[in-house]
Amino acid sequence: MNKSIFYHAGCPVCVSAEQDIISLIGEQNVQIIHLGEQQDQIQVAETAGLKSVPALLTPNGNVLHINFGASIEDLKN
């Protein structure tokens, strides 16, 4: 994986964090995945270690949970 992946659910906390992440690391260095719209990616996110969103998955596999918008369990329903 060459890019970081930013996972979010579209809530105000997530959207604000998305803008900050893009500002910090650059849009070309991050893939944005909206789990509310791309529910097929929830299992991928869980497998990577995400417990809540917003979260950033780094290229070396570390998960950085940012603030708290929603748990992954809440997104499944």
Protein backbone atom coordinates (compact mmCIF):
# COMPACT_ATOMS: atom_id res chain seq x y z
CA MET A 1 0.00 0.00 0.00
CA ASN A 2 1.50 3.32 -1.06
CA LYS A 3 -1.18 5.71 0.17
CA SER A 4 -2.82 6.18 3.50
CA ILE A 5 -6.53 5.38 3.57
CA PHE A 6 -8.90 7.67 5.43
CA TYR A 7 -12.14 5.99 6.45
CA HIS A 8 -15.17 8.00 7.51
CA ALA A 9 -18.96 7.92 7.66
CA GLY A 10 -19.89 11.42 6.54
CA CYS A 11 -20.71 12.92 9.93
CA PRO A 12 -19.49 16.46 10.74
CA VAL A 13 -16.60 15.09 12.86
CA CYS A 14 -15.52 12.89 9.93
CA VAL A 15 -15.81 15.60 7.29
CA SER A 16 -13.76 18.00 9.40
CA ALA A 17 -11.09 15.35 10.00
CA GLU A 18 -11.04 14.53 6.27
CA GLN A 19 -10.25 18.14 5.40
CA ASP A 20 -7.50 18.27 8.04
CA ILE A 21 -5.94 15.01 6.80
CA ILE A 22 -5.95 16.24 3.19
CA SER A 23 -4.40 19.52 4.32
CA LEU A 24 -1.71 17.73 6.35
CA ILE A 25 -0.61 14.95 3.99
CA GLY A 26 -1.94 16.04 0.61
CA GLU A 27 -4.84 14.72 -1.45
CA GLN A 28 -2.47 12.72 -3.67
CA ASN A 29 -1.24 10.76 -0.64
CA VAL A 30 -4.58 9.62 0.76
CA GLN A 31 -7.48 7.55 -0.51
CA ILE A 32 -10.83 8.57 0.99
CA ILE A 33 -13.39 5.86 1.74
CA HIS A 34 -16.86 6.88 2.93
CA LEU A 35 -18.13 3.75 4.69
CA GLY A 36 -21.69 5.07 4.72
CA GLU A 37 -21.66 5.03 0.91
CA GLN A 38 -19.21 2.16 0.36
CA GLN A 39 -20.50 -0.43 2.80
CA ASP A 40 -18.67 -3.18 0.92
CA GLN A 41 -15.50 -1.72 2.44
CA ILE A 42 -16.59 -2.17 6.07
CA GLN A 43 -15.19 -5.71 6.29
CA VAL A 44 -11.92 -4.54 4.71
CA ALA A 45 -11.69 -1.76 7.29
CA GLU A 46 -12.41 -4.15 10.15
CA THR A 47 -9.79 -6.59 8.92
CA ALA A 48 -7.28 -3.72 8.89
CA GLY A 49 -8.09 -3.04 12.55
CA LEU A 50 -10.56 -0.16 12.48
CA LYS A 51 -12.85 0.07 15.48
CA SER A 52 -14.39 3.48 14.75
CA VAL A 53 -14.36 6.31 12.25
CA PRO A 54 -12.85 8.66 11.40
CA ALA A 55 -9.62 6.71 11.16
CA LEU A 56 -6.49 6.75 9.06
CA LEU A 57 -4.81 3.55 7.92
CA THR A 58 -1.14 4.31 7.25
CA PRO A 59 0.87 2.70 4.45
CA ASN A 60 2.64 0.44 6.96
CA GLY A 61 -0.68 -0.83 8.40
CA ASN A 62 -1.06 1.27 11.54
CA VAL A 63 -4.59 2.45 12.33
CA LEU A 64 -4.87 5.96 13.75
CA HIS A 65 -8.31 6.50 15.26
CA ILE A 66 -9.15 10.19 15.13
CA ASN A 67 -11.67 11.63 17.60
CA PHE A 68 -14.89 9.59 17.53
CA GLY A 69 -17.70 9.77 15.01
CA ALA A 70 -19.18 6.27 14.90
CA SER A 71 -18.20 2.72 15.72
CA ILE A 72 -17.78 0.19 12.93
CA GLU A 73 -20.62 -1.80 14.52
CA ASP A 74 -22.97 1.18 14.10
CA LEU A 75 -22.14 1.34 10.39
CA LYS A 76 -23.20 -2.26 9.84
CA ASN A 77 -26.82 -1.54 10.75
